[in-house]
């Protein structure tokens, strides 16, 4: 039927059956969201992704056989991969950075209110990253730039046009597409086209990685 869209399909990956059950009960009651499947370990993710074609994956961090960061990295290398939100009890800086660099679009703690988790699922499905302000500040304040990261980031950004670099800076500042469009006097469609071009040129997966690159280049 015209105008009808299918629900967002979510795959829940967690080695704790009670956590899976709780998330499943919560999300299946939300209009426009459907729990497509579950996996109990990172090594089950490829088969589950093939079987259920999720739009968004809620990924635990620590699992017995294959951890969430490794599973995320493998998943994001596949054609047309789903977005990944890491949902964990562990918020150490190195975990956050590793997850984001692996291609995760968001990082939430398991004590996040249900409404915020629902919002995050919808947001990442639209291509917008999700990080709490507290985690963002910690990344910017405490994450040490790795040796050579500054020069690599500057070299990468030099391949972009001046307008694309303006968009990179706005993305790194946490602005939405609509806000960037207003700030840079362009349409939202043009902003999306610039973001897509930046991701392609820099071989990145998502907007969060653009922001990390800008941070490495000391633009923020």
C-alpha atoms as a PDB file:
ATOM      1  CA  UNK A   1       0.000   0.000   0.000  1.00  0.00           C
ATOM      2  CA  UNK A   2       1.365   3.444  -0.922  1.00  0.00           C
ATOM      3  CA  UNK A   3       2.728   5.437   1.994  1.00  0.00           C
ATOM      4  CA  UNK A   4       3.186   2.384   4.206  1.00  0.00           C
ATOM      5  CA  UNK A   5       6.717   1.564   5.308  1.00  0.00           C
ATOM      6  CA  UNK A   6       7.902  -1.590   7.013  1.00  0.00           C
ATOM      7  CA  UNK A   7       9.010  -1.529  10.652  1.00  0.00           C
ATOM      8  CA  UNK A   8      12.679  -1.084  11.505  1.00  0.00           C
ATOM      9  CA  UNK A   9      14.168  -4.540  11.985  1.00  0.00           C
ATOM     10  CA  UNK A  10      16.391  -4.915  15.071  1.00  0.00           C
ATOM     11  CA  UNK A  11      18.821  -7.730  15.882  1.00  0.00           C
ATOM     12  CA  UNK A  12      19.713  -8.119  19.584  1.00  0.00           C
ATOM     13  CA  UNK A  13      23.166  -9.569  20.342  1.00  0.00           C
ATOM     14  CA  UNK A  14      23.904 -10.350  23.990  1.00  0.00           C
ATOM     15  CA  UNK A  15      25.155 -13.408  25.860  1.00  0.00           C
ATOM     16  CA  UNK A  16      22.672 -12.780  28.698  1.00  0.00           C
ATOM     17  CA  UNK A  17      19.312 -14.353  27.858  1.00  0.00           C
ATOM     18  CA  UNK A  18      17.528 -12.110  30.364  1.00  0.00           C
ATOM     19  CA  UNK A  19      18.927  -8.977  28.709  1.00  0.00           C
ATOM     20  CA  UNK A  20      17.854 -10.247  25.289  1.00  0.00           C
ATOM     21  CA  UNK A  21      14.388 -11.020  26.588  1.00  0.00           C
ATOM     22  CA  UNK A  22      14.042  -7.618  28.260  1.00  0.00           C
ATOM     23  CA  UNK A  23      15.140  -5.688  25.186  1.00  0.00           C
ATOM     24  CA  UNK A  24      12.934  -7.811  22.966  1.00  0.00           C
ATOM     25  CA  UNK A  25       9.850  -7.218  25.119  1.00  0.00           C
ATOM     26  CA  UNK A  26      10.538  -3.490  25.246  1.00  0.00           C
ATOM     27  CA  UNK A  27      11.186  -2.960  21.523  1.00  0.00           C
ATOM     28  CA  UNK A  28       8.468  -5.277  20.192  1.00  0.00           C
ATOM     29  CA  UNK A  29       5.895  -3.083  21.901  1.00  0.00           C
ATOM     30  CA  UNK A  30       7.004   0.029  20.020  1.00  0.00           C
ATOM     31  CA  UNK A  31       5.190   1.113  16.876  1.00  0.00           C
ATOM     32  CA  UNK A  32       7.436   1.000  13.824  1.00  0.00           C
ATOM     33  CA  UNK A  33      10.052  -1.307  15.374  1.00  0.00           C
ATOM     34  CA  UNK A  34      10.248  -5.097  15.130  1.00  0.00           C
ATOM     35  CA  UNK A  35      12.734  -7.432  16.821  1.00  0.00           C
ATOM     36  CA  UNK A  36      13.827  -9.522  13.850  1.00  0.00           C
ATOM     37  CA  UNK A  37      16.069 -11.923  15.762  1.00  0.00           C
ATOM     38  CA  UNK A  38      18.566 -12.565  18.532  1.00  0.00           C
ATOM     39  CA  UNK A  39      22.128 -13.864  18.842  1.00  0.00           C
ATOM     40  CA  UNK A  40      23.924 -15.040  21.987  1.00  0.00           C
ATOM     41  CA  UNK A  41      27.510 -14.355  20.883  1.00  0.00           C
ATOM     42  CA  UNK A  42      29.459 -12.369  18.328  1.00  0.00           C
ATOM     43  CA  UNK A  43      30.270 -15.461  16.296  1.00  0.00           C
ATOM     44  CA  UNK A  44      26.529 -15.888  15.615  1.00  0.00           C
ATOM     45  CA  UNK A  45      26.131 -12.399  14.133  1.00  0.00           C
ATOM     46  CA  UNK A  46      26.931 -13.130  10.443  1.00  0.00           C
ATOM     47  CA  UNK A  47      24.388 -15.950  10.223  1.00  0.00           C
ATOM     48  CA  UNK A  48      21.801 -13.918  12.140  1.00  0.00           C
ATOM     49  CA  UNK A  49      22.336 -10.926   9.846  1.00  0.00           C
ATOM     50  CA  UNK A  50      21.881 -13.160   6.799  1.00  0.00           C
ATOM     51  CA  UNK A  51      18.746 -14.730   8.232  1.00  0.00           C
ATOM     52  CA  UNK A  52      17.022 -11.600   9.530  1.00  0.00           C
ATOM     53  CA  UNK A  53      18.349  -8.650   7.433  1.00  0.00           C
ATOM     54  CA  UNK A  54      18.289  -6.177  10.343  1.00  0.00           C
ATOM     55  CA  UNK A  55      18.398  -2.411   9.941  1.00  0.00           C
ATOM     56  CA  UNK A  56      19.936  -1.909  13.389  1.00  0.00           C
ATOM     57  CA  UNK A  57      21.941  -4.223  15.655  1.00  0.00           C
ATOM     58  CA  UNK A  58      22.076  -3.759  19.437  1.00  0.00           C
ATOM     59  CA  UNK A  59      25.503  -5.215  20.228  1.00  0.00           C
ATOM     60  CA  UNK A  60      26.829  -6.316  23.606  1.00  0.00           C
ATOM     61  CA  UNK A  61      30.504  -5.568  24.193  1.00  0.00           C
ATOM     62  CA  UNK A  62      31.849  -8.544  26.160  1.00  0.00           C
ATOM     63  CA  UNK A  63      30.840 -12.026  25.021  1.00  0.00           C
ATOM     64  CA  UNK A  64      32.572 -15.397  25.556  1.00  0.00           C
ATOM     65  CA  UNK A  65      33.744 -16.287  22.046  1.00  0.00           C
ATOM     66  CA  UNK A  66      33.687 -13.185  19.817  1.00  0.00           C
ATOM     67  CA  UNK A  67      33.436  -9.753  21.442  1.00  0.00           C
ATOM     68  CA  UNK A  68      31.161  -6.984  20.229  1.00  0.00           C
ATOM     69  CA  UNK A  69      33.944  -4.850  18.752  1.00  0.00           C
ATOM     70  CA  UNK A  70      35.210  -7.687  16.570  1.00  0.00           C
ATOM     71  CA  UNK A  71      31.662  -8.610  15.575  1.00  0.00           C
ATOM     72  CA  UNK A  72      30.932  -4.980  14.697  1.00  0.00           C
ATOM     73  CA  UNK A  73      34.051  -4.668  12.571  1.00  0.00           C
ATOM     74  CA  UNK A  74      33.207  -7.838  10.652  1.00  0.00           C
ATOM     75  CA  UNK A  75      29.589  -6.802  10.219  1.00  0.00           C
ATOM     76  CA  UNK A  76      30.425  -3.328   8.919  1.00  0.00           C
ATOM     77  CA  UNK A  77      32.695  -4.798   6.251  1.00  0.00           C
ATOM     78  CA  UNK A  78      29.764  -6.630   4.656  1.00  0.00           C
ATOM     79  CA  UNK A  79      27.807  -5.196   1.694  1.00  0.00           C
ATOM     80  CA  UNK A  80      24.970  -2.896   2.826  1.00  0.00           C
ATOM     81  CA  UNK A  81      25.640  -3.487   6.542  1.00  0.00           C
ATOM     82  CA  UNK A  82      23.154  -2.582   9.272  1.00  0.00           C
ATOM     83  CA  UNK A  83      23.859   0.211  11.731  1.00  0.00           C
ATOM     84  CA  UNK A  84      25.295  -0.913  15.080  1.00  0.00           C
ATOM     85  CA  UNK A  85      24.635   0.456  18.551  1.00  0.00           C
ATOM     86  CA  UNK A  86      26.944  -0.927  21.226  1.00  0.00           C
ATOM     87  CA  UNK A  87      24.894  -1.452  24.389  1.00  0.00           C
ATOM     88  CA  UNK A  88      27.059  -2.340  27.360  1.00  0.00           C
ATOM     89  CA  UNK A  89      27.769  -1.936  31.058  1.00  0.00           C
ATOM     90  CA  UNK A  90      31.408  -1.014  30.353  1.00  0.00           C
ATOM     91  CA  UNK A  91      32.100   2.641  29.486  1.00  0.00           C
ATOM     92  CA  UNK A  92      35.912   2.766  29.597  1.00  0.00           C
ATOM     93  CA  UNK A  93      37.309   5.244  27.080  1.00  0.00           C
ATOM     94  CA  UNK A  94      39.201   2.583  25.156  1.00  0.00           C
ATOM     95  CA  UNK A  95      36.001   0.557  24.722  1.00  0.00           C
ATOM     96  CA  UNK A  96      34.157   3.563  23.315  1.00  0.00           C
ATOM     97  CA  UNK A  97      36.912   4.454  20.880  1.00  0.00           C
ATOM     98  CA  UNK A  98      37.430   0.887  19.710  1.00  0.00           C
ATOM     99  CA  UNK A  99      33.694   0.459  19.116  1.00  0.00           C
ATOM    100  CA  UNK A 100      33.363   3.688  17.159  1.00  0.00           C
ATOM    101  CA  UNK A 101      36.440   3.019  15.062  1.00  0.00           C
ATOM    102  CA  UNK A 102      35.074  -0.451  14.311  1.00  0.00           C
ATOM    103  CA  UNK A 103      32.073   1.230  12.714  1.00  0.00           C
ATOM    104  CA  UNK A 104      29.473   1.469  15.484  1.00  0.00           C
ATOM    105  CA  UNK A 105      27.033   4.343  15.059  1.00  0.00           C
ATOM    106  CA  UNK A 106      26.393   4.670  18.759  1.00  0.00           C
ATOM    107  CA  UNK A 107      27.437   3.687  22.257  1.00  0.00           C
ATOM    108  CA  UNK A 108      24.918   3.420  25.088  1.00  0.00           C
ATOM    109  CA  UNK A 109      25.034   1.979  28.580  1.00  0.00           C
ATOM    110  CA  UNK A 110      22.572  -0.740  29.570  1.00  0.00           C
ATOM    111  CA  UNK A 111      21.064   1.524  32.235  1.00  0.00           C
ATOM    112  CA  UNK A 112      19.973   3.958  29.501  1.00  0.00           C
ATOM    113  CA  UNK A 113      16.228   4.711  29.832  1.00  0.00           C
ATOM    114  CA  UNK A 114      14.086   2.675  27.428  1.00  0.00           C
ATOM    115  CA  UNK A 115      12.804   5.765  25.617  1.00  0.00           C
ATOM    116  CA  UNK A 116      16.390   6.788  24.870  1.00  0.00           C
ATOM    117  CA  UNK A 117      17.191   3.338  23.455  1.00  0.00           C
ATOM    118  CA  UNK A 118      14.128   3.537  21.198  1.00  0.00           C
ATOM    119  CA  UNK A 119      15.179   7.014  20.075  1.00  0.00           C
ATOM    120  CA  UNK A 120      18.691   5.727  19.371  1.00  0.00           C
ATOM    121  CA  UNK A 121      17.389   2.884  17.176  1.00  0.00           C
ATOM    122  CA  UNK A 122      15.349   5.316  15.108  1.00  0.00           C
ATOM    123  CA  UNK A 123      18.130   7.879  14.955  1.00  0.00           C
ATOM    124  CA  UNK A 124      20.893   5.587  13.723  1.00  0.00           C
ATOM    125  CA  UNK A 125      18.520   4.064  11.165  1.00  0.00           C
ATOM    126  CA  UNK A 126      18.284   7.589   9.714  1.00  0.00           C
ATOM    127  CA  UNK A 127      22.059   7.867   9.541  1.00  0.00           C
ATOM    128  CA  UNK A 128      22.504  10.018  12.648  1.00  0.00           C
ATOM    129  CA  UNK A 129      24.994   8.825  15.292  1.00  0.00           C
ATOM    130  CA  UNK A 130      24.009   8.536  18.937  1.00  0.00           C
ATOM    131  CA  UNK A 131      26.367   9.358  21.785  1.00  0.00           C
ATOM    132  CA  UNK A 132      25.500  10.776  25.170  1.00  0.00           C
ATOM    133  CA  UNK A 133      26.998  14.233  25.874  1.00  0.00           C
ATOM    134  CA  UNK A 134      28.951  12.710  28.769  1.00  0.00           C
ATOM    135  CA  UNK A 135      30.627  10.165  26.495  1.00  0.00           C
ATOM    136  CA  UNK A 136      31.302  12.803  23.823  1.00  0.00           C
ATOM    137  CA  UNK A 137      33.056  15.039  26.345  1.00  0.00           C
ATOM    138  CA  UNK A 138      35.149  12.138  27.589  1.00  0.00           C
ATOM    139  CA  UNK A 139      36.215  11.259  24.072  1.00  0.00           C
ATOM    140  CA  UNK A 140      37.292  14.796  23.352  1.00  0.00           C
ATOM    141  CA  UNK A 141      38.922  15.406  26.721  1.00  0.00           C
ATOM    142  CA  UNK A 142      40.687  12.119  27.452  1.00  0.00           C
ATOM    143  CA  UNK A 143      41.296  10.170  24.246  1.00  0.00           C
ATOM    144  CA  UNK A 144      44.963  10.511  23.375  1.00  0.00           C
ATOM    145  CA  UNK A 145      45.684  11.014  19.691  1.00  0.00           C
ATOM    146  CA  UNK A 146      47.694   8.047  18.480  1.00  0.00           C
ATOM    147  CA  UNK A 147      51.154   8.571  16.998  1.00  0.00           C
ATOM    148  CA  UNK A 148      50.843   9.949  13.498  1.00  0.00           C
ATOM    149  CA  UNK A 149      47.059  10.322  13.703  1.00  0.00           C
ATOM    150  CA  UNK A 150      47.238  14.116  13.359  1.00  0.00           C
ATOM    151  CA  UNK A 151      49.225  14.004  10.130  1.00  0.00           C
ATOM    152  CA  UNK A 152      47.123  11.179   8.693  1.00  0.00           C
ATOM    153  CA  UNK A 153      43.919  13.066   9.483  1.00  0.00           C
ATOM    154  CA  UNK A 154      45.235  16.311   7.991  1.00  0.00           C
ATOM    155  CA  UNK A 155      46.378  14.498   4.854  1.00  0.00           C
ATOM    156  CA  UNK A 156      42.993  12.812   4.471  1.00  0.00           C
ATOM    157  CA  UNK A 157      41.059  16.049   4.934  1.00  0.00           C
ATOM    158  CA  UNK A 158      43.281  17.778   2.361  1.00  0.00           C
ATOM    159  CA  UNK A 159      41.676  15.572  -0.303  1.00  0.00           C
ATOM    160  CA  UNK A 160      38.289  17.209   0.351  1.00  0.00           C
ATOM    161  CA  UNK A 161      36.934  20.403  -1.170  1.00  0.00           C
ATOM    162  CA  UNK A 162      36.667  23.527   1.019  1.00  0.00           C
ATOM    163  CA  UNK A 163      32.899  23.076   1.223  1.00  0.00           C
ATOM    164  CA  UNK A 164      33.270  19.441   2.244  1.00  0.00           C
ATOM    165  CA  UNK A 165      35.678  20.505   4.984  1.00  0.00           C
ATOM    166  CA  UNK A 166      33.057  22.979   6.225  1.00  0.00           C
ATOM    167  CA  UNK A 167      30.626  20.057   6.472  1.00  0.00           C
ATOM    168  CA  UNK A 168      33.240  17.916   8.271  1.00  0.00           C
ATOM    169  CA  UNK A 169      33.653  20.615  10.924  1.00  0.00           C
ATOM    170  CA  UNK A 170      29.894  20.990  11.369  1.00  0.00           C
ATOM    171  CA  UNK A 171      29.460  17.215  11.699  1.00  0.00           C
ATOM    172  CA  UNK A 172      32.264  17.124  14.286  1.00  0.00           C
ATOM    173  CA  UNK A 173      30.453  19.816  16.245  1.00  0.00           C
ATOM    174  CA  UNK A 174      27.434  17.536  16.474  1.00  0.00           C
ATOM    175  CA  UNK A 175      25.117  19.451  14.159  1.00  0.00           C
ATOM    176  CA  UNK A 176      22.248  17.699  12.394  1.00  0.00           C
ATOM    177  CA  UNK A 177      21.788  17.864   8.632  1.00  0.00           C
ATOM    178  CA  UNK A 178      19.124  20.537   9.049  1.00  0.00           C
ATOM    179  CA  UNK A 179      21.383  22.634  11.273  1.00  0.00           C
ATOM    180  CA  UNK A 180      24.287  22.304   8.833  1.00  0.00           C
ATOM    181  CA  UNK A 181      22.018  23.336   5.965  1.00  0.00           C
ATOM    182  CA  UNK A 182      21.000  26.502   7.817  1.00  0.00           C
ATOM    183  CA  UNK A 183      24.539  27.294   8.939  1.00  0.00           C
ATOM    184  CA  UNK A 184      26.110  26.823   5.494  1.00  0.00           C
ATOM    185  CA  UNK A 185      23.192  28.171   3.435  1.00  0.00           C
ATOM    186  CA  UNK A 186      22.479  25.004   1.481  1.00  0.00           C
ATOM    187  CA  UNK A 187      19.647  22.514   1.205  1.00  0.00           C
ATOM    188  CA  UNK A 188      19.407  19.419   3.384  1.00  0.00           C
ATOM    189  CA  UNK A 189      19.722  17.317   0.219  1.00  0.00           C
ATOM    190  CA  UNK A 190      23.002  19.062  -0.592  1.00  0.00           C
ATOM    191  CA  UNK A 191      24.294  18.428   2.925  1.00  0.00           C
ATOM    192  CA  UNK A 192      23.455  14.723   2.593  1.00  0.00           C
ATOM    193  CA  UNK A 193      25.253  14.641  -0.768  1.00  0.00           C
ATOM    194  CA  UNK A 194      28.347  16.230   0.780  1.00  0.00           C
ATOM    195  CA  UNK A 195      28.305  13.753   3.689  1.00  0.00           C
ATOM    196  CA  UNK A 196      28.014  10.841   1.259  1.00  0.00           C
ATOM    197  CA  UNK A 197      30.913  12.185  -0.804  1.00  0.00           C
ATOM    198  CA  UNK A 198      33.069  12.640   2.324  1.00  0.00           C
ATOM    199  CA  UNK A 199      32.397   9.076   3.479  1.00  0.00           C
ATOM    200  CA  UNK A 200      33.326   7.727   0.048  1.00  0.00           C
ATOM    201  CA  UNK A 201      36.483   9.812  -0.367  1.00  0.00           C
ATOM    202  CA  UNK A 202      37.775   9.043   3.122  1.00  0.00           C
ATOM    203  CA  UNK A 203      36.626   5.378   3.144  1.00  0.00           C
ATOM    204  CA  UNK A 204      34.632   5.872   6.334  1.00  0.00           C
ATOM    205  CA  UNK A 205      31.448   4.139   7.504  1.00  0.00           C
ATOM    206  CA  UNK A 206      29.479   6.866   9.236  1.00  0.00           C
ATOM    207  CA  UNK A 207      29.299  10.415  10.622  1.00  0.00           C
ATOM    208  CA  UNK A 208      30.827   9.434  13.945  1.00  0.00           C
ATOM    209  CA  UNK A 209      34.040   8.432  12.175  1.00  0.00           C
ATOM    210  CA  UNK A 210      34.037  11.810  10.395  1.00  0.00           C
ATOM    211  CA  UNK A 211      33.897  13.476  13.809  1.00  0.00           C
ATOM    212  CA  UNK A 212      36.748  11.305  15.113  1.00  0.00           C
ATOM    213  CA  UNK A 213      38.881  12.209  12.104  1.00  0.00           C
ATOM    214  CA  UNK A 214      38.207  15.894  12.668  1.00  0.00           C
ATOM    215  CA  UNK A 215      39.216  15.436  16.297  1.00  0.00           C
ATOM    216  CA  UNK A 216      42.446  13.717  15.257  1.00  0.00           C
ATOM    217  CA  UNK A 217      43.126  16.688  12.944  1.00  0.00           C
ATOM    218  CA  UNK A 218      42.606  19.034  15.900  1.00  0.00           C
ATOM    219  CA  UNK A 219      39.694  20.836  14.235  1.00  0.00           C
ATOM    220  CA  UNK A 220      37.402  20.652  17.271  1.00  0.00           C
END
